């Protein structure tokens, strides 16, 4: 089971679509930062 097993609360009771959207936004932001860093590091290695 996922969620809070000790309290016997399902994930649906803990999180809603707003939480999912926020998590997705954080993941997208992190992905973009990592991609930018990777590209900067890659361009330094080429020189």
C-alpha atoms as a PDB file:
ATOM      1  CA  UNK A   1       0.000   0.000   0.000  1.00  0.00           C
ATOM      2  CA  UNK A   2       1.049   3.572  -0.550  1.00  0.00           C
ATOM      3  CA  UNK A   3      -0.013   6.631   1.355  1.00  0.00           C
ATOM      4  CA  UNK A   4       0.124   6.574   5.135  1.00  0.00           C
ATOM      5  CA  UNK A   5       0.027   2.898   6.070  1.00  0.00           C
ATOM      6  CA  UNK A   6       0.082   3.504   9.817  1.00  0.00           C
ATOM      7  CA  UNK A   7      -2.978   5.756   9.642  1.00  0.00           C
ATOM      8  CA  UNK A   8      -4.561   3.588   6.920  1.00  0.00           C
ATOM      9  CA  UNK A   9      -4.935   6.588   4.623  1.00  0.00           C
ATOM     10  CA  UNK A  10      -4.783   6.104   0.856  1.00  0.00           C
ATOM     11  CA  UNK A  11      -2.753   8.366  -1.462  1.00  0.00           C
ATOM     12  CA  UNK A  12      -5.999   9.747  -2.885  1.00  0.00           C
ATOM     13  CA  UNK A  13      -6.857  11.034   0.562  1.00  0.00           C
ATOM     14  CA  UNK A  14      -3.423  12.593   1.047  1.00  0.00           C
ATOM     15  CA  UNK A  15      -2.878  14.209  -2.362  1.00  0.00           C
ATOM     16  CA  UNK A  16      -5.066  15.908  -4.925  1.00  0.00           C
ATOM     17  CA  UNK A  17      -4.612  17.114  -8.503  1.00  0.00           C
ATOM     18  CA  UNK A  18      -3.160  20.418  -7.269  1.00  0.00           C
ATOM     19  CA  UNK A  19      -0.411  18.490  -5.461  1.00  0.00           C
ATOM     20  CA  UNK A  20       0.280  16.476  -8.606  1.00  0.00           C
ATOM     21  CA  UNK A  21       0.467  19.621 -10.731  1.00  0.00           C
ATOM     22  CA  UNK A  22       2.869  21.222  -8.257  1.00  0.00           C
ATOM     23  CA  UNK A  23       5.089  18.129  -8.261  1.00  0.00           C
ATOM     24  CA  UNK A  24       5.098  18.103 -12.055  1.00  0.00           C
ATOM     25  CA  UNK A  25       6.063  21.783 -12.153  1.00  0.00           C
ATOM     26  CA  UNK A  26       8.962  21.146  -9.762  1.00  0.00           C
ATOM     27  CA  UNK A  27      10.101  18.197 -11.865  1.00  0.00           C
ATOM     28  CA  UNK A  28       9.926  20.243 -15.075  1.00  0.00           C
ATOM     29  CA  UNK A  29      11.867  23.100 -13.476  1.00  0.00           C
ATOM     30  CA  UNK A  30      14.523  20.689 -12.191  1.00  0.00           C
ATOM     31  CA  UNK A  31      14.789  18.970 -15.579  1.00  0.00           C
ATOM     32  CA  UNK A  32      15.346  22.308 -17.322  1.00  0.00           C
ATOM     33  CA  UNK A  33      18.047  23.325 -14.854  1.00  0.00           C
ATOM     34  CA  UNK A  34      19.854  20.000 -15.173  1.00  0.00           C
ATOM     35  CA  UNK A  35      19.635  20.134 -18.964  1.00  0.00           C
ATOM     36  CA  UNK A  36      21.072  23.671 -18.959  1.00  0.00           C
ATOM     37  CA  UNK A  37      23.912  22.583 -16.673  1.00  0.00           C
ATOM     38  CA  UNK A  38      24.618  19.525 -18.818  1.00  0.00           C
ATOM     39  CA  UNK A  39      24.794  21.661 -21.958  1.00  0.00           C
ATOM     40  CA  UNK A  40      27.119  24.159 -20.257  1.00  0.00           C
ATOM     41  CA  UNK A  41      29.412  21.379 -19.046  1.00  0.00           C
ATOM     42  CA  UNK A  42      29.344  19.689 -22.450  1.00  0.00           C
ATOM     43  CA  UNK A  43      30.338  22.897 -24.221  1.00  0.00           C
ATOM     44  CA  UNK A  44      33.283  23.380 -21.844  1.00  0.00           C
ATOM     45  CA  UNK A  45      34.536  19.858 -22.600  1.00  0.00           C
ATOM     46  CA  UNK A  46      34.442  20.577 -26.345  1.00  0.00           C
ATOM     47  CA  UNK A  47      36.963  23.423 -26.078  1.00  0.00           C
END
